[in-house]
Amino acid sequence: MKVNRNVNKYIKDCKHFFPFLSKNEKIFLKRLKTNIIENTDSDNITYDDLCNEFGYPSDIIISYFEDQDANYLIKQSRIKNILKKAIIICTVAILICCLWRGILIYKSYRDSENSKVKYIEYTIEEEN
């Protein structure tokens, strides 16, 4: 079944309001999409009609969070925060390693440049 692009845009906008997308949020979005398709003529509906009938995406997400358990939301926020910090730490560590490797390569280049023979002096002596 082909879905109207306005319905897809509406679901996409709802998805963008979630600070995290876990299994429960994905199930909620699937149910919302199914509900929209079943209860409306999805071929001829506009985005504004969806907002008037189901509410604006921000309102839907606010009502979703009001219905959720506070412990679940705190847990999901902590997981996202930990992942964000881990990614930042890994990125900084990789940058430091690359910088250190670059410094070592540059030092090696400078050492090899200093060890090159820049001129050769020949001395010719006569034998008696």
N, C-alpha and C. Protein backbone atom coordinates (compact mmCIF):
# COMPACT_ATOMS: atom_id res chain seq x y z
N MET A 1 0.84 -1.18 0.00
CA MET A 1 0.00 0.00 0.00
C MET A 1 0.88 1.24 0.00
N LYS A 2 0.64 2.10 -0.95
CA LYS A 2 1.42 3.32 -1.06
C LYS A 2 0.91 4.35 -0.07
N VAL A 3 1.84 4.97 0.64
CA VAL A 3 1.48 5.94 1.67
C VAL A 3 1.75 7.34 1.13
N ASN A 4 0.84 8.25 1.41
CA ASN A 4 0.98 9.64 1.02
C ASN A 4 2.26 10.21 1.60
N ARG A 5 2.94 11.04 0.85
CA ARG A 5 4.20 11.60 1.34
C ARG A 5 3.97 12.55 2.52
N ASN A 6 2.77 13.13 2.64
CA ASN A 6 2.46 13.98 3.80
C ASN A 6 2.41 13.15 5.08
N VAL A 7 1.92 11.93 4.98
CA VAL A 7 1.90 11.04 6.15
C VAL A 7 3.33 10.69 6.54
N ASN A 8 4.15 10.38 5.55
CA ASN A 8 5.56 10.07 5.83
C ASN A 8 6.28 11.27 6.45
N LYS A 9 5.99 12.47 5.94
CA LYS A 9 6.61 13.68 6.49
C LYS A 9 6.16 13.90 7.94
N TYR A 10 4.90 13.65 8.20
CA TYR A 10 4.37 13.81 9.55
C TYR A 10 5.06 12.84 10.52
N ILE A 11 5.19 11.58 10.12
CA ILE A 11 5.86 10.58 10.96
C ILE A 11 7.33 10.94 11.14
N LYS A 12 7.96 11.42 10.07
CA LYS A 12 9.37 11.81 10.15
C LYS A 12 9.55 12.98 11.12
N ASP A 13 8.63 13.94 11.07
CA ASP A 13 8.70 15.08 12.00
C ASP A 13 8.51 14.61 13.44
N CYS A 14 7.60 13.66 13.64
CA CYS A 14 7.42 13.11 14.99
C CYS A 14 8.69 12.42 15.46
N LYS A 15 9.34 11.71 14.55
CA LYS A 15 10.57 10.99 14.89
C LYS A 15 11.68 11.96 15.32
N HIS A 16 11.73 13.12 14.68
CA HIS A 16 12.79 14.10 15.00
C HIS A 16 12.62 14.73 16.38
N PHE A 17 11.42 14.68 16.93
CA PHE A 17 11.21 15.27 18.25
C PHE A 17 11.66 14.35 19.38
N PHE A 18 11.86 13.07 19.10
CA PHE A 18 12.34 12.16 20.14
C PHE A 18 13.82 12.43 20.42
N PRO A 19 14.19 12.57 21.69
CA PRO A 19 15.61 12.75 21.99
C PRO A 19 16.39 11.44 21.84
N PHE A 20 15.70 10.32 21.88
CA PHE A 20 16.31 9.01 21.68
C PHE A 20 15.27 8.10 21.05
N LEU A 21 15.73 7.13 20.30
CA LEU A 21 14.82 6.19 19.64
C LEU A 21 15.17 4.78 20.06
N SER A 22 14.44 4.26 21.02
CA SER A 22 14.65 2.88 21.43
C SER A 22 13.50 2.04 20.86
N LYS A 23 13.43 0.81 21.29
CA LYS A 23 12.42 -0.11 20.79
C LYS A 23 11.00 0.42 21.01
N ASN A 24 10.73 0.94 22.20
CA ASN A 24 9.39 1.44 22.52
C ASN A 24 8.98 2.61 21.62
N GLU A 25 9.90 3.49 21.34
CA GLU A 25 9.58 4.65 20.51
C GLU A 25 9.32 4.23 19.07
N LYS A 26 10.08 3.25 18.59
CA LYS A 26 9.86 2.75 17.23
C LYS A 26 8.50 2.08 17.12
N ILE A 27 8.13 1.32 18.13
CA ILE A 27 6.80 0.69 18.14
C ILE A 27 5.70 1.75 18.15
N PHE A 28 5.90 2.79 18.96
CA PHE A 28 4.93 3.89 19.02
C PHE A 28 4.76 4.54 17.65
N LEU A 29 5.87 4.80 16.95
CA LEU A 29 5.79 5.44 15.64
C LEU A 29 5.10 4.53 14.61
N LYS A 30 5.36 3.22 14.69
CA LYS A 30 4.68 2.29 13.78
C LYS A 30 3.18 2.27 14.03
N ARG A 31 2.80 2.26 15.31
CA ARG A 31 1.37 2.27 15.65
C ARG A 31 0.71 3.58 15.21
N LEU A 32 1.42 4.68 15.38
CA LEU A 32 0.89 5.97 14.95
C LEU A 32 0.67 5.98 13.44
N LYS A 33 1.62 5.49 12.70
CA LYS A 33 1.50 5.45 11.24
C LYS A 33 0.33 4.55 10.83
N THR A 34 0.23 3.39 11.46
CA THR A 34 -0.89 2.47 11.17
C THR A 34 -2.23 3.12 11.49
N ASN A 35 -2.27 3.81 12.62
CA ASN A 35 -3.50 4.50 13.03
C ASN A 35 -3.88 5.58 12.03
N ILE A 36 -2.91 6.33 11.55
CA ILE A 36 -3.18 7.39 10.57
C ILE A 36 -3.70 6.78 9.28
N ILE A 37 -3.06 5.70 8.82
CA ILE A 37 -3.47 5.08 7.56
C ILE A 37 -4.87 4.49 7.66
N GLU A 38 -5.18 3.86 8.79
CA GLU A 38 -6.49 3.23 8.95
C GLU A 38 -7.62 4.23 9.13
N ASN A 39 -7.34 5.35 9.77
CA ASN A 39 -8.42 6.28 10.14
C ASN A 39 -8.58 7.46 9.19
N THR A 40 -7.75 7.56 8.18
CA THR A 40 -7.88 8.69 7.25
C THR A 40 -7.80 8.17 5.82
N ASP A 41 -8.21 9.03 4.92
CA ASP A 41 -8.01 8.76 3.50
C ASP A 41 -6.61 9.28 3.17
N SER A 42 -5.62 8.41 3.31
CA SER A 42 -4.23 8.86 3.24
C SER A 42 -3.80 9.31 1.85
N ASP A 43 -4.62 9.07 0.83
CA ASP A 43 -4.25 9.52 -0.52
C ASP A 43 -4.45 11.02 -0.70
N ASN A 44 -5.45 11.57 -0.05
CA ASN A 44 -5.81 12.97 -0.28
C ASN A 44 -5.59 13.87 0.93
N ILE A 45 -4.92 13.41 1.94
CA ILE A 45 -4.79 14.19 3.17
C ILE A 45 -3.55 15.09 3.08
N THR A 46 -3.67 16.28 3.63
CA THR A 46 -2.54 17.21 3.66
C THR A 46 -1.89 17.18 5.04
N TYR A 47 -0.72 17.78 5.10
CA TYR A 47 0.01 17.84 6.37
C TYR A 47 -0.78 18.61 7.42
N ASP A 48 -1.41 19.70 7.01
CA ASP A 48 -2.22 20.50 7.95
C ASP A 48 -3.42 19.71 8.47
N ASP A 49 -4.02 18.91 7.60
CA ASP A 49 -5.14 18.06 8.04
C ASP A 49 -4.67 17.06 9.10
N LEU A 50 -3.50 16.50 8.89
CA LEU A 50 -2.93 15.57 9.88
C LEU A 50 -2.70 16.27 11.21
N CYS A 51 -2.15 17.48 11.13
CA CYS A 51 -1.89 18.24 12.37
C CYS A 51 -3.19 18.59 13.08
N ASN A 52 -4.22 18.91 12.33
CA ASN A 52 -5.50 19.26 12.95
C ASN A 52 -6.18 18.03 13.55
N GLU A 53 -6.07 16.89 12.88
CA GLU A 53 -6.76 15.70 13.34
C GLU A 53 -6.02 14.98 14.47
N PHE A 54 -4.71 14.85 14.34
CA PHE A 54 -3.92 14.08 15.32
C PHE A 54 -3.11 14.96 16.26
N GLY A 55 -2.94 16.20 15.94
CA GLY A 55 -2.13 17.11 16.75
C GLY A 55 -0.77 17.33 16.11
N TYR A 56 -0.13 18.39 16.50
CA TYR A 56 1.20 18.68 15.97
C TYR A 56 2.19 17.66 16.51
N PRO A 57 3.25 17.38 15.76
CA PRO A 57 4.22 16.37 16.21
C PRO A 57 4.77 16.64 17.62
N SER A 58 5.00 17.89 17.94
CA SER A 58 5.51 18.21 19.28
C SER A 58 4.50 17.84 20.36
N ASP A 59 3.22 18.06 20.08
CA ASP A 59 2.18 17.71 21.05
C ASP A 59 2.08 16.20 21.24
N ILE A 60 2.22 15.46 20.15
CA ILE A 60 2.17 14.00 20.24
C ILE A 60 3.32 13.47 21.08
N ILE A 61 4.50 14.01 20.89
CA ILE A 61 5.67 13.54 21.63
C ILE A 61 5.54 13.93 23.11
N ILE A 62 5.02 15.11 23.39
CA ILE A 62 4.82 15.53 24.78
C ILE A 62 3.84 14.60 25.48
N SER A 63 2.76 14.25 24.80
CA SER A 63 1.79 13.34 25.42
C SER A 63 2.39 11.94 25.58
N TYR A 64 3.25 11.53 24.65
CA TYR A 64 3.93 10.23 24.78
C TYR A 64 4.81 10.21 26.03
N PHE A 65 5.58 11.26 26.23
CA PHE A 65 6.47 11.31 27.39
C PHE A 65 5.70 11.44 28.70
N GLU A 66 4.55 12.08 28.67
CA GLU A 66 3.74 12.17 29.88
C GLU A 66 3.21 10.80 30.29
N ASP A 67 2.97 9.93 29.32
CA ASP A 67 2.45 8.60 29.60
C ASP A 67 3.55 7.60 30.01
N GLN A 68 4.80 7.94 29.74
CA GLN A 68 5.91 7.01 30.03
C GLN A 68 6.32 7.10 31.50
N ASP A 69 6.94 6.01 31.94
CA ASP A 69 7.48 5.93 33.29
C ASP A 69 8.71 6.83 33.41
N ALA A 70 8.81 7.56 34.49
CA ALA A 70 9.94 8.49 34.68
C ALA A 70 11.26 7.73 34.74
N ASN A 71 11.27 6.56 35.36
CA ASN A 71 12.52 5.78 35.45
C ASN A 71 13.01 5.35 34.07
N TYR A 72 12.07 4.98 33.20
CA TYR A 72 12.44 4.60 31.84
C TYR A 72 13.08 5.78 31.11
N LEU A 73 12.49 6.96 31.25
CA LEU A 73 13.02 8.14 30.57
C LEU A 73 14.39 8.52 31.10
N ILE A 74 14.56 8.43 32.42
CA ILE A 74 15.86 8.74 33.03
C ILE A 74 16.91 7.75 32.55
N LYS A 75 16.55 6.47 32.50
CA LYS A 75 17.48 5.43 32.05
C LYS A 75 17.91 5.68 30.61
N GLN A 76 16.95 6.00 29.75
CA GLN A 76 17.26 6.25 28.34
C GLN A 76 18.13 7.51 28.19
N SER A 77 17.87 8.52 28.99
CA SER A 77 18.68 9.73 28.94
C SER A 77 20.11 9.46 29.38
N ARG A 78 20.27 8.65 30.41
CA ARG A 78 21.61 8.30 30.88
C ARG A 78 22.37 7.50 29.83
N ILE A 79 21.68 6.55 29.20
CA ILE A 79 22.33 5.75 28.17
C ILE A 79 22.81 6.64 27.03
N LYS A 80 21.96 7.56 26.61
CA LYS A 80 22.34 8.47 25.53
C LYS A 80 23.51 9.35 25.95
N ASN A 81 23.49 9.83 27.19
CA ASN A 81 24.56 10.67 27.69
C ASN A 81 25.88 9.90 27.75
N ILE A 82 25.82 8.66 28.22
CA ILE A 82 27.03 7.83 28.29
C ILE A 82 27.59 7.57 26.90
N LEU A 83 26.71 7.24 25.95
CA LEU A 83 27.16 7.01 24.58
C LEU A 83 27.79 8.25 23.97
N LYS A 84 27.19 9.40 24.23
CA LYS A 84 27.73 10.64 23.70
C LYS A 84 29.13 10.91 24.27
N LYS A 85 29.28 10.71 25.57
CA LYS A 85 30.60 10.92 26.20
C LYS A 85 31.62 9.92 25.68
N ALA A 86 31.21 8.66 25.49
CA ALA A 86 32.12 7.64 24.98
C ALA A 86 32.60 7.98 23.57
N ILE A 87 31.69 8.46 22.74
CA ILE A 87 32.07 8.84 21.38
C ILE A 87 33.03 10.01 21.39
N ILE A 88 32.78 10.98 22.26
CA ILE A 88 33.68 12.14 22.36
C ILE A 88 35.06 11.70 22.84
N ILE A 89 35.11 10.84 23.86
CA ILE A 89 36.39 10.37 24.39
C ILE A 89 37.15 9.58 23.33
N CYS A 90 36.46 8.71 22.61
CA CYS A 90 37.12 7.93 21.55
C CYS A 90 37.65 8.83 20.44
N THR A 91 36.88 9.82 20.08
CA THR A 91 37.31 10.75 19.04
C THR A 91 38.54 11.53 19.47
N VAL A 92 38.54 12.01 20.69
CA VAL A 92 39.70 12.75 21.21
C VAL A 92 40.92 11.84 21.29
N ALA A 93 40.73 10.58 21.74
CA ALA A 93 41.85 9.64 21.83
C ALA A 93 42.43 9.36 20.45
N ILE A 94 41.57 9.18 19.46
CA ILE A 94 42.05 8.93 18.09
C ILE A 94 42.81 10.14 17.56
N LEU A 95 42.29 11.34 17.83
CA LEU A 95 42.98 12.55 17.38
C LEU A 95 44.35 12.70 18.05
N ILE A 96 44.43 12.39 19.33
CA ILE A 96 45.70 12.47 20.04
C ILE A 96 46.69 11.46 19.47
N CYS A 97 46.22 10.24 19.20
CA CYS A 97 47.11 9.23 18.61
C CYS A 97 47.60 9.66 17.23
N CYS A 98 46.71 10.22 16.43
CA CYS A 98 47.12 10.69 15.10
C CYS A 98 48.12 11.83 15.20
N LEU A 99 47.89 12.73 16.14
CA LEU A 99 48.82 13.84 16.35
C LEU A 99 50.18 13.32 16.80
N TRP A 100 50.18 12.40 17.74
CA TRP A 100 51.44 11.82 18.22
C TRP A 100 52.18 11.11 17.09
N ARG A 101 51.45 10.35 16.28
CA ARG A 101 52.07 9.64 15.15
C ARG A 101 52.64 10.65 14.15
N GLY A 102 51.93 11.73 13.92
CA GLY A 102 52.43 12.77 13.02
C GLY A 102 53.70 13.40 13.55
N ILE A 103 53.75 13.64 14.85
CA ILE A 103 54.97 14.20 15.46
C ILE A 103 56.13 13.25 15.29
N LEU A 104 55.91 11.97 15.53
CA LEU A 104 56.98 10.98 15.37
C LEU A 104 57.46 10.89 13.93
N ILE A 105 56.55 10.94 12.99
CA ILE A 105 56.93 10.90 11.57
C ILE A 105 57.73 12.14 11.21
N TYR A 106 57.32 13.30 11.72
CA TYR A 106 58.05 14.53 11.43
C TYR A 106 59.45 14.49 12.04
N LYS A 107 59.56 13.98 13.27
CA LYS A 107 60.89 13.86 13.90
C LYS A 107 61.78 12.91 13.10
N SER A 108 61.22 11.82 12.64
CA SER A 108 61.97 10.87 11.83
C SER A 108 62.42 11.53 10.52
N TYR A 109 61.57 12.32 9.92
CA TYR A 109 61.91 13.03 8.70
C TYR A 109 63.05 14.00 8.96
N ARG A 110 62.96 14.76 10.05
CA ARG A 110 64.02 15.72 10.37
C ARG A 110 65.35 15.01 10.65
N ASP A 111 65.31 13.87 11.34
CA ASP A 111 66.52 13.11 11.62
C ASP A 111 67.14 12.58 10.33
N SER A 112 66.31 12.08 9.42
CA SER A 112 66.84 11.57 8.16
C SER A 112 67.36 12.70 7.29
N GLU A 113 66.77 13.86 7.39
CA GLU A 113 67.25 15.01 6.62
C GLU A 113 68.61 15.45 7.13
N ASN A 114 68.82 15.41 8.44
CA ASN A 114 70.10 15.79 9.02
C ASN A 114 71.18 14.75 8.78
N SER A 115 70.81 13.52 8.57
CA SER A 115 71.81 12.48 8.38
C SER A 115 72.21 12.31 6.92
N LYS A 116 71.58 12.98 6.02
CA LYS A 116 71.93 12.87 4.60
C LYS A 116 73.28 13.55 4.35
N VAL A 117 73.98 12.98 3.41
CA VAL A 117 75.26 13.57 3.01
C VAL A 117 74.94 14.72 2.07
N LYS A 118 75.36 15.90 2.48
CA LYS A 118 75.03 17.07 1.68
C LYS A 118 76.14 17.41 0.68
N TYR A 119 77.35 17.08 1.04
CA TYR A 119 78.43 17.30 0.10
C TYR A 119 79.53 16.28 0.41
N ILE A 120 80.28 15.98 -0.61
CA ILE A 120 81.38 15.04 -0.47
C ILE A 120 82.66 15.78 -0.83
N GLU A 121 83.65 15.62 0.00
CA GLU A 121 84.93 16.28 -0.25
C GLU A 121 85.95 15.22 -0.61
N TYR A 122 86.53 15.37 -1.78
CA TYR A 122 87.54 14.44 -2.24
C TYR A 122 88.91 15.08 -2.07
N THR A 123 89.83 14.30 -1.62
CA THR A 123 91.21 14.77 -1.49
C THR A 123 92.08 13.88 -2.40
N ILE A 124 92.77 14.53 -3.28
CA ILE A 124 93.64 13.78 -4.18
C ILE A 124 95.08 13.95 -3.69
N GLU A 125 95.69 12.82 -3.45
CA GLU A 125 97.09 12.85 -2.98
C GLU A 125 97.95 12.11 -3.98
N GLU A 126 99.13 12.60 -4.13
CA GLU A 126 100.08 11.95 -5.02
C GLU A 126 100.93 10.98 -4.25
N GLU A 127 101.19 9.88 -4.90
CA GLU A 127 102.06 8.91 -4.28
C GLU A 127 103.47 9.11 -4.80
N ASN A 128 104.45 9.01 -3.96
CA ASN A 128 105.85 9.18 -4.37
C ASN A 128 106.53 7.89 -4.59
